Amino acid sequence: FGGPIPRGPQRQKSLGSGFIIDSDGSILTNNHVVENAQKIVVKLADEREFEAKVVGTDPKTDIAVVKINDRGSLPVAALGDSDRLEVGEWVMAIGNPFGLDNTITAGIVSAKGRHIGAGPYDDFIQTDASINPGNSGGPLINLRGEVVAINTAIFSRTGGNIGIGFAIPINLVKELLPQLKGKGKVTRGYLGVLIQKVTPDIAESLGLDKTRGALVANVSKDGPADRAGVKVGDVIVEFDGKEIKDSNELPIIVARTGVNKKAQLKVLRDKKEVVLTVAVGELKEEEVVATAEEKGELGLTVQRVTPEMAQSLGLERAEGVVITSVEPGGPADEAGLRRGDVILEIDRKPVRNLSEYRKAMGDTKKGKGVLFLVRRGESTLFLALKPVEAVEKGRSKHLPEKRPPYLGFKRRSRIE
C-alpha cells in the first residue's frame, strides 16, 4: 500500500588502473583491484572495451595479471630497472583517479625500501606524485618512459592525496611474472621462524656491538630452521650469502629463494658466530584460580601458571609464570610487557616456576637491561627492560601526545 518496492541485491562497481605488459593482452594491476570481482572490464585509451579474465594473483605483494583478447597489435609498456632509481629522481604516475581517464601527475622519488606494515614483503617506493583512489594498479614511470613501479597505496587521513604515495618496485614484479603467467600463483621459500627487530636495548642485552640481523623469537617444530639447528635467541645476520642488516630484509630474501635449495645461514649465538645449512621449504597458504602473587621493582606482578590458567592460555603444560598486572609507566610497561604474557626466559635462562623466576631476577646486574622472552597468544617475542634508573632518567614531566600509528598499521613479528 504505497510502501517502497523491495530491491534485489545491488552489484558494486569499482575503478582501478593497469598497463599492458605483453602484446598477447596481458595486463598488470593490483590484486586488490580485481580481487573477488565477478566481472572485469578493461577500457583502453582508444575507448575500446574488453572483458578480461584473471591469469594470476599474488595477495602477499598485491599484484595481479589479467588478460584480454584482441586480434590487433597492442602497445606494450617498457619495464625499467627500479634498482637504478635514485631518491630525488623525477617520476610520473598515470591512472584513473576518481574515474578521470589517463590522468598524469608528476613528482619525485621521496624514499626507497619503505616498510609500511602492509605485509611481510614490504619494499615500497615512496613518491609525492599525486596518487588518489582509482590510481591503484597504474604505472609509475621515469623520464625515459619506463615503468619503474606499480602505484598501490597512499597515506591519508581523509582518503585524498597529501603527497605520500607508495608503489611496488617493478623489479620485484618482474621476478614474480613468470610464475603468475605460468601457474597463476607464486611459490615462495619458507624458513619456519618467527622473527623480530633487534632494537638497541635488545642488542645491548644480547651483547651485540650494534643493531643488526633478525632475532629469532620462535622456531616452528620440524620446520626447515628447526631441522637446521636454529634456536630461539639466535640472531640471523646472513642468509645464502646476503647480509641481513634489518629484520625486514629476511622475509623477502627467503621468499625469493628456491624451494629445496640448501642455503647457508649465519647466526650469532651467545656472542659467537655459528654457520648452519638449511634446506629451504615451501611456504604453504594460511598456516582462572588465583594464587600468591609477587611484585618487583620492575613494575609487574607475576604468579605461577596453574593447570586452569595453562588451559585457558593454550599452554601444553602448567609451567612458567604469568604476568597478572603491569604498573602504568613502570619499566615493564615501558618495555611493552602486558598482563597475560607468560615469561619463558629471563636473560636467556629458562623460567619454569616462581623459584626460577626469583633466581633469574636475582642474577640480573644492577644498571643493566633485562631481556625477557614471553609468550603472547600464539607467538613468542623478546622484550628488553631498561634499568630502572635509565627509565626514570628518560621520562619527561610532560609526556607528548601519542601519535597515531604510521598508516594505521602496527608492526608485528612474522613467520617466514
Protein backbone atom coordinates (compact mmCIF):
# COMPACT_ATOMS: atom_id res chain seq x y z
CA PHE A 1 0.00 0.00 0.00
CA GLY A 2 2.31 2.70 -1.21
CA GLY A 3 5.46 1.33 0.53
CA PRO A 4 8.86 1.12 -1.15
CA ILE A 5 9.34 -1.75 -3.57
CA PRO A 6 11.96 -4.19 -2.23
CA ARG A 7 15.10 -4.23 -4.32
CA GLY A 8 17.31 -7.20 -5.07
CA PRO A 9 20.99 -7.29 -4.22
CA GLN A 10 22.89 -4.47 -5.91
CA ARG A 11 26.21 -5.08 -7.63
CA GLN A 12 29.00 -2.70 -6.67
CA LYS A 13 31.35 -1.21 -9.21
CA SER A 14 34.91 -0.11 -8.55
CA LEU A 15 37.65 1.51 -10.60
CA GLY A 16 41.34 0.83 -10.89
CA SER A 17 44.22 1.17 -13.31
CA GLY A 18 46.62 -1.12 -15.11
CA PHE A 19 49.01 -1.32 -18.06
CA ILE A 20 49.71 -3.76 -20.90
CA ILE A 21 52.94 -5.73 -20.48
CA ASP A 22 52.64 -8.19 -23.39
CA SER A 23 51.20 -8.00 -26.90
CA ASP A 24 49.13 -11.11 -26.10
CA GLY A 25 46.89 -8.85 -23.97
CA SER A 26 48.44 -9.45 -20.53
CA ILE A 27 47.81 -6.52 -18.19
CA LEU A 28 49.47 -5.82 -14.85
CA THR A 29 47.46 -4.33 -11.98
CA ASN A 30 46.93 -4.63 -8.22
CA ASN A 31 45.37 -7.71 -6.67
CA HIS A 32 43.01 -5.55 -4.60
CA VAL A 33 41.64 -4.03 -7.83
CA VAL A 34 40.38 -7.38 -9.19
CA GLU A 35 40.00 -9.46 -6.03
CA ASN A 36 36.54 -11.11 -5.73
CA ALA A 37 35.37 -9.40 -8.92
CA GLN A 38 32.57 -11.19 -10.77
CA LYS A 39 33.28 -9.33 -13.98
CA ILE A 40 36.33 -7.33 -15.12
CA VAL A 41 36.03 -4.83 -17.95
CA VAL A 42 39.15 -3.19 -19.40
CA LYS A 43 38.83 0.13 -21.21
CA LEU A 44 41.77 1.12 -23.41
CA ALA A 45 42.93 4.63 -24.27
CA ASP A 46 41.15 4.39 -27.65
CA GLU A 47 37.82 3.86 -25.81
CA ARG A 48 37.55 0.16 -26.78
CA GLU A 49 36.32 -2.14 -24.00
CA PHE A 50 37.15 -5.79 -23.40
CA GLU A 51 36.09 -8.33 -20.82
CA ALA A 52 39.18 -9.65 -19.05
CA LYS A 53 39.95 -12.84 -17.19
CA VAL A 54 42.32 -13.23 -14.26
CA VAL A 55 45.53 -15.10 -15.15
CA GLY A 56 47.29 -14.97 -11.79
CA THR A 57 47.21 -13.17 -8.45
CA ASP A 58 49.54 -12.73 -5.51
CA PRO A 59 47.80 -11.16 -2.48
CA LYS A 60 51.03 -11.04 -0.48
CA THR A 61 52.56 -8.45 -2.81
CA ASP A 62 49.21 -7.13 -4.11
CA ILE A 63 49.97 -7.99 -7.75
CA ALA A 64 47.64 -9.44 -10.37
CA VAL A 65 47.80 -10.26 -14.09
CA VAL A 66 44.64 -10.15 -16.20
CA LYS A 67 44.28 -10.79 -19.91
CA ILE A 68 42.14 -9.50 -22.76
CA ASN A 69 41.73 -10.98 -26.23
CA ASP A 70 42.47 -8.56 -29.04
CA ARG A 71 43.40 -9.63 -32.56
CA GLY A 72 45.17 -6.37 -33.25
CA SER A 73 48.61 -5.20 -32.17
CA LEU A 74 48.55 -3.79 -28.65
CA PRO A 75 51.11 -1.24 -27.44
CA VAL A 76 53.27 -2.57 -24.60
CA ALA A 77 54.73 -0.60 -21.69
CA ALA A 78 58.51 -0.84 -21.32
CA LEU A 79 59.60 -2.16 -17.93
CA GLY A 80 62.56 -0.35 -16.39
CA ASP A 81 65.00 -1.11 -13.58
CA SER A 82 63.70 0.05 -10.19
CA ASP A 83 67.04 -0.71 -8.52
CA ARG A 84 68.58 2.15 -10.51
CA LEU A 85 66.05 4.66 -9.21
CA GLU A 86 67.53 7.36 -7.01
CA VAL A 87 65.87 9.41 -4.30
CA GLY A 88 65.04 12.81 -5.79
CA GLU A 89 64.59 11.44 -9.33
CA TRP A 90 61.54 12.70 -11.23
CA VAL A 91 58.69 10.24 -11.84
CA MET A 92 55.13 10.36 -13.18
CA ALA A 93 52.02 8.47 -12.10
CA ILE A 94 49.42 7.51 -14.72
CA GLY A 95 45.96 6.25 -13.88
CA ASN A 96 42.25 6.91 -13.47
CA PRO A 97 41.85 8.81 -10.19
CA PHE A 98 38.16 9.16 -9.35
CA GLY A 99 37.39 7.83 -12.85
CA LEU A 100 39.25 10.60 -14.69
CA ASP A 101 40.82 8.62 -17.53
CA ASN A 102 44.52 8.88 -18.41
CA THR A 103 45.45 11.36 -15.72
CA ILE A 104 49.18 12.08 -15.36
CA THR A 105 50.75 13.59 -12.25
CA ALA A 106 54.41 14.30 -11.58
CA GLY A 107 56.66 14.20 -8.54
CA ILE A 108 59.90 12.77 -7.24
CA VAL A 109 61.05 9.57 -5.55
CA SER A 110 60.82 10.53 -1.88
CA ALA A 111 62.33 7.33 -0.46
CA LYS A 112 63.06 3.69 -1.26
CA GLY A 113 62.65 0.47 0.70
CA ARG A 114 59.70 1.69 2.75
CA HIS A 115 58.08 -0.80 5.16
CA ILE A 116 54.54 0.35 5.87
CA GLY A 117 53.12 -2.71 7.63
CA ALA A 118 51.08 -3.90 4.65
CA GLY A 119 52.67 -7.37 4.72
CA PRO A 120 55.87 -9.36 5.21
CA TYR A 121 57.22 -8.42 1.76
CA ASP A 122 57.00 -4.64 2.11
CA ASP A 123 59.60 -2.86 -0.02
CA PHE A 124 57.80 0.20 -1.35
CA ILE A 125 58.98 3.21 -3.31
CA GLN A 126 57.61 6.40 -1.77
CA THR A 127 56.65 9.27 -4.06
CA ASP A 128 54.98 12.67 -3.78
CA ALA A 129 53.42 12.34 -7.25
CA SER A 130 49.70 12.77 -6.68
CA ILE A 131 48.04 9.36 -6.20
CA ASN A 132 44.33 9.04 -5.42
CA PRO A 133 41.62 6.35 -5.36
CA GLY A 134 41.48 4.88 -8.87
CA ASN A 135 45.24 5.11 -9.38
CA SER A 136 45.78 1.65 -7.90
CA GLY A 137 47.49 -0.66 -10.39
CA GLY A 138 48.67 2.16 -12.64
CA PRO A 139 52.32 2.66 -13.64
CA LEU A 140 54.87 4.93 -12.04
CA ILE A 141 57.26 5.84 -14.87
CA ASN A 142 60.64 7.55 -15.09
CA LEU A 143 61.61 10.31 -17.54
CA ARG A 144 62.66 7.65 -20.08
CA GLY A 145 59.07 6.40 -20.21
CA GLU A 146 59.90 3.13 -18.44
CA VAL A 147 57.65 1.63 -15.77
CA VAL A 148 59.60 1.55 -12.51
CA ALA A 149 56.77 0.71 -10.08
CA ILE A 150 53.05 -0.01 -9.65
CA ASN A 151 51.07 2.61 -7.72
CA THR A 152 49.44 0.86 -4.79
CA ALA A 153 48.72 2.85 -1.63
CA ILE A 154 48.62 6.29 -0.06
CA PHE A 155 48.99 7.65 3.43
CA SER A 156 45.97 9.83 4.12
CA ARG A 157 43.63 10.74 6.96
CA THR A 158 40.94 11.97 4.56
CA GLY A 159 41.15 9.48 1.69
CA GLY A 160 42.70 12.06 -0.63
CA ASN A 161 46.28 12.71 -1.66
CA ILE A 162 48.61 14.55 0.72
CA GLY A 163 51.84 13.83 -1.13
CA ILE A 164 52.71 10.47 0.40
CA GLY A 165 52.15 7.59 -2.02
CA PHE A 166 53.64 4.11 -2.26
CA ALA A 167 54.42 1.93 -5.26
CA ILE A 168 55.65 -1.66 -5.73
CA PRO A 169 59.13 -1.78 -7.37
CA ILE A 170 58.93 -3.23 -10.87
CA ASN A 171 61.98 -5.46 -10.27
CA LEU A 172 60.04 -7.32 -7.58
CA VAL A 173 57.16 -7.72 -10.04
CA LYS A 174 59.43 -8.99 -12.83
CA GLU A 175 60.63 -11.80 -10.57
CA LEU A 176 57.04 -12.97 -9.99
CA LEU A 177 55.64 -12.57 -13.52
CA PRO A 178 56.81 -15.97 -14.90
CA GLN A 179 55.04 -17.79 -12.04
CA LEU A 180 51.89 -15.66 -12.25
CA LYS A 181 51.57 -16.19 -16.01
CA GLY A 182 52.64 -19.83 -15.88
CA LYS A 183 50.69 -21.25 -12.93
CA GLY A 184 48.56 -18.38 -11.63
CA LYS A 185 50.22 -18.15 -8.23
CA VAL A 186 53.61 -17.61 -6.57
CA THR A 187 55.63 -20.29 -4.78
CA ARG A 188 57.91 -18.93 -2.07
CA GLY A 189 60.70 -20.20 0.12
CA TYR A 190 59.94 -20.94 3.77
CA LEU A 191 62.28 -20.94 6.76
CA GLY A 192 59.92 -21.59 9.66
CA VAL A 193 60.96 -18.92 12.16
CA LEU A 194 59.19 -16.10 13.96
CA ILE A 195 61.44 -13.05 13.88
CA GLN A 196 61.54 -9.59 15.37
CA LYS A 197 63.63 -6.46 15.08
CA VAL A 198 66.87 -6.15 17.05
CA THR A 199 66.36 -2.92 18.99
CA PRO A 200 69.24 -1.08 20.73
CA ASP A 201 68.02 -2.39 24.10
CA ILE A 202 67.84 -5.98 22.84
CA ALA A 203 71.26 -5.65 21.19
CA GLU A 204 72.75 -4.50 24.49
CA SER A 205 71.07 -7.34 26.38
CA LEU A 206 72.45 -9.90 23.90
CA GLY A 207 75.92 -8.36 23.99
CA LEU A 208 75.86 -7.25 20.34
CA ASP A 209 78.06 -4.38 19.21
CA LYS A 210 75.30 -2.91 17.03
CA THR A 211 71.69 -3.41 15.96
CA ARG A 212 71.68 -5.80 13.01
CA GLY A 213 70.11 -9.03 11.85
CA ALA A 214 66.79 -10.68 12.68
CA LEU A 215 66.14 -12.04 16.19
CA VAL A 216 64.54 -15.49 16.27
CA ALA A 217 61.63 -15.41 18.74
CA ASN A 218 60.21 -18.83 17.86
CA VAL A 219 61.10 -21.83 15.68
CA SER A 220 58.38 -23.91 14.02
CA LYS A 221 58.65 -27.54 15.11
CA ASP A 222 60.06 -29.81 12.38
CA GLY A 223 60.36 -26.84 10.03
CA PRO A 224 63.44 -26.13 7.86
CA ALA A 225 65.05 -23.91 10.51
CA ASP A 226 64.37 -26.42 13.29
CA ARG A 227 65.96 -29.23 11.27
CA ALA A 228 68.96 -27.00 10.54
CA GLY A 229 69.54 -26.36 14.25
CA VAL A 230 68.29 -22.77 14.57
CA LYS A 231 67.38 -21.88 18.17
CA VAL A 232 65.27 -19.25 19.88
CA GLY A 233 67.52 -16.29 20.68
CA ASP A 234 69.72 -16.71 17.60
CA VAL A 235 70.29 -13.54 15.58
CA ILE A 236 70.31 -14.29 11.84
CA VAL A 237 72.91 -11.98 10.28
CA GLU A 238 73.37 -13.67 6.90
CA PHE A 239 71.24 -15.85 4.62
CA ASP A 240 72.50 -17.50 1.44
CA GLY A 241 75.47 -15.13 1.28
CA LYS A 242 73.32 -12.00 1.75
CA GLU A 243 73.84 -9.83 4.82
CA ILE A 244 70.76 -9.18 6.94
CA LYS A 245 71.06 -5.61 8.19
CA ASP A 246 67.43 -5.33 9.30
CA SER A 247 64.81 -7.94 10.19
CA ASN A 248 62.54 -6.67 7.38
CA GLU A 249 65.04 -7.90 4.79
CA LEU A 250 64.91 -11.58 5.77
CA PRO A 251 61.31 -12.42 4.65
CA ILE A 252 61.95 -11.02 1.15
CA ILE A 253 65.28 -12.83 0.72
CA VAL A 254 63.87 -16.17 1.95
CA ALA A 255 60.78 -15.81 -0.26
CA ARG A 256 62.98 -15.33 -3.32
CA THR A 257 65.00 -18.47 -2.57
CA GLY A 258 64.11 -21.62 -4.49
CA VAL A 259 62.31 -24.43 -2.69
CA ASN A 260 64.63 -27.28 -1.58
CA LYS A 261 67.73 -25.14 -2.13
CA LYS A 262 70.38 -25.65 0.53
CA ALA A 263 71.42 -22.26 1.85
CA GLN A 264 73.99 -21.24 4.41
CA LEU A 265 72.64 -19.48 7.46
CA LYS A 266 74.93 -17.41 9.66
CA VAL A 267 73.69 -16.71 13.19
CA LEU A 268 75.03 -15.08 16.35
CA ARG A 269 74.55 -17.35 19.38
CA ASP A 270 75.94 -16.48 22.80
CA LYS A 271 78.17 -13.84 21.16
CA LYS A 272 79.65 -16.45 18.81
CA GLU A 273 79.13 -16.86 15.07
CA VAL A 274 77.56 -20.18 14.05
CA VAL A 275 77.13 -21.33 10.43
CA LEU A 276 74.24 -23.68 9.64
CA THR A 277 72.92 -25.24 6.44
CA VAL A 278 69.17 -25.11 5.85
CA ALA A 279 67.09 -26.81 3.14
CA VAL A 280 64.54 -24.14 2.22
CA GLY A 281 60.93 -25.34 2.39
CA GLU A 282 57.83 -24.19 0.53
CA LEU A 283 55.59 -21.55 2.09
CA LYS A 284 52.09 -23.01 2.31
CA GLU A 285 48.93 -20.90 2.26
CA GLU A 286 47.39 -19.96 5.56
CA GLU A 287 49.21 -21.60 8.12
CA VAL A 288 41.17 -18.93 36.49
CA VAL A 289 42.33 -19.81 40.05
CA ALA A 290 44.46 -17.13 41.71
CA THR A 291 47.44 -17.93 43.87
CA ALA A 292 50.09 -15.91 45.65
CA GLU A 293 51.40 -13.04 43.55
CA GLU A 294 54.81 -11.38 43.52
CA LYS A 295 55.55 -7.79 42.63
CA GLY A 296 59.03 -6.44 41.95
CA GLU A 297 60.69 -3.11 41.26
CA LEU A 298 60.22 -3.63 37.53
CA GLY A 299 56.58 -2.66 37.93
CA LEU A 300 54.97 -6.01 37.19
CA THR A 301 53.13 -8.65 39.20
CA VAL A 302 53.53 -12.35 38.46
CA GLN A 303 52.18 -15.67 39.68
CA ARG A 304 52.76 -19.28 38.80
CA VAL A 305 50.82 -20.82 35.94
CA THR A 306 48.13 -23.13 37.31
CA PRO A 307 46.63 -26.02 35.30
CA GLU A 308 43.44 -23.98 34.84
CA MET A 309 45.41 -20.99 33.56
CA ALA A 310 47.51 -23.19 31.26
CA GLN A 311 44.33 -24.50 29.65
CA SER A 312 42.87 -21.02 29.17
CA LEU A 313 46.17 -19.70 27.78
CA GLY A 314 46.55 -22.64 25.38
CA LEU A 315 49.72 -23.94 27.02
CA GLU A 316 50.72 -27.59 26.76
CA ARG A 317 51.62 -27.79 30.45
CA ALA A 318 51.40 -25.69 33.60
CA GLU A 319 54.91 -24.25 33.53
CA GLY A 320 56.27 -20.75 33.85
CA VAL A 321 54.98 -17.58 35.45
CA VAL A 322 52.29 -15.30 34.09
CA ILE A 323 52.12 -11.51 34.39
CA THR A 324 48.95 -10.58 36.23
CA SER A 325 49.38 -6.80 36.26
CA VAL A 326 51.70 -4.13 34.86
CA GLU A 327 52.22 -0.79 36.59
CA PRO A 328 51.43 2.05 34.15
CA GLY A 329 54.57 3.98 33.29
CA GLY A 330 56.85 1.47 35.02
CA PRO A 331 59.87 -0.25 33.42
CA ALA A 332 57.81 -3.29 32.39
CA ASP A 333 55.18 -1.06 30.81
CA GLU A 334 57.87 0.95 29.00
CA ALA A 335 59.30 -2.29 27.57
CA GLY A 336 55.92 -3.45 26.24
CA LEU A 337 55.12 -6.26 28.68
CA ARG A 338 51.40 -6.93 29.10
CA ARG A 339 49.06 -8.62 31.51
CA GLY A 340 48.66 -12.26 30.41
CA ASP A 341 52.19 -12.59 28.99
CA VAL A 342 53.84 -15.85 30.07
CA ILE A 343 57.51 -15.38 30.95
CA LEU A 344 59.59 -18.18 29.39
CA GLU A 345 63.12 -16.82 29.87
CA ILE A 346 65.00 -14.04 31.65
CA ASP A 347 68.40 -13.17 30.24
CA ARG A 348 68.32 -16.46 28.27
CA LYS A 349 67.71 -18.52 31.43
CA PRO A 350 64.57 -20.69 31.41
CA VAL A 351 61.79 -19.78 33.83
CA ARG A 352 59.58 -22.76 34.70
CA ASN A 353 58.32 -21.68 38.13
CA LEU A 354 58.42 -18.87 40.69
CA SER A 355 61.64 -20.19 42.18
CA GLU A 356 63.47 -19.93 38.84
CA TYR A 357 61.89 -16.50 38.27
CA ARG A 358 63.26 -15.23 41.60
CA LYS A 359 66.70 -16.71 40.92
CA ALA A 360 66.86 -15.27 37.39
CA MET A 361 65.82 -11.85 38.67
CA GLY A 362 68.38 -12.11 41.47
CA ASP A 363 71.13 -12.81 38.95
CA THR A 364 70.43 -9.68 36.92
CA LYS A 365 73.07 -6.99 37.25
CA LYS A 366 72.18 -3.59 38.60
CA GLY A 367 72.28 -0.90 35.93
CA LYS A 368 72.00 -3.45 33.10
CA GLY A 369 69.00 -4.15 30.93
CA VAL A 370 66.98 -7.35 31.39
CA LEU A 371 65.97 -9.48 28.39
CA PHE A 372 62.62 -11.26 28.66
CA LEU A 373 61.26 -13.96 26.34
CA VAL A 374 57.49 -14.11 26.68
CA ARG A 375 54.64 -15.98 25.08
CA ARG A 376 51.73 -13.82 23.94
CA GLY A 377 48.86 -15.70 22.37
CA GLU A 378 50.30 -17.98 19.68
CA SER A 379 53.55 -16.02 19.37
CA THR A 380 56.73 -15.58 21.38
CA LEU A 381 58.81 -12.41 21.45
CA PHE A 382 61.79 -10.83 23.15
CA LEU A 383 61.40 -7.63 25.16
CA ALA A 384 64.26 -5.70 26.75
CA LEU A 385 63.69 -3.82 30.00
CA LYS A 386 65.87 -0.82 30.62
CA PRO A 387 67.40 -0.42 34.10
CA VAL A 388 65.09 1.40 36.48
CA GLU A 389 67.50 4.34 36.67
CA ALA A 390 67.56 4.69 32.87
CA VAL A 391 63.77 4.65 32.66
CA GLU A 392 63.44 7.31 35.35
CA LYS A 393 66.10 9.47 33.66
CA GLY A 394 64.43 9.14 30.26
CA ARG A 395 60.99 10.20 31.43
CA SER A 396 59.67 13.70 30.79
CA LYS A 397 57.43 15.60 33.16
CA HIS A 398 55.14 16.46 30.26
CA LEU A 399 54.61 13.43 28.07
CA PRO A 400 53.88 14.28 24.42
CA GLU A 401 50.57 13.25 22.97
CA LYS A 402 50.81 9.84 21.34
CA ARG A 403 50.82 9.91 17.55
CA PRO A 404 48.55 7.63 15.53
CA PRO A 405 50.40 4.59 14.17
CA TYR A 406 52.00 5.05 10.76
CA LEU A 407 49.45 4.36 8.05
CA GLY A 408 47.20 2.83 10.68
CA PHE A 409 49.23 -0.40 10.66
CA LYS A 410 51.03 -1.96 13.58
CA ARG A 411 54.29 -3.87 13.14
CA ARG A 412 54.30 -7.48 14.23
CA SER A 413 56.70 -10.33 14.30
CA ARG A 414 56.10 -12.69 11.42
CA ILE A 415 56.78 -16.16 10.16
CA GLU A 416 58.97 -16.64 7.11
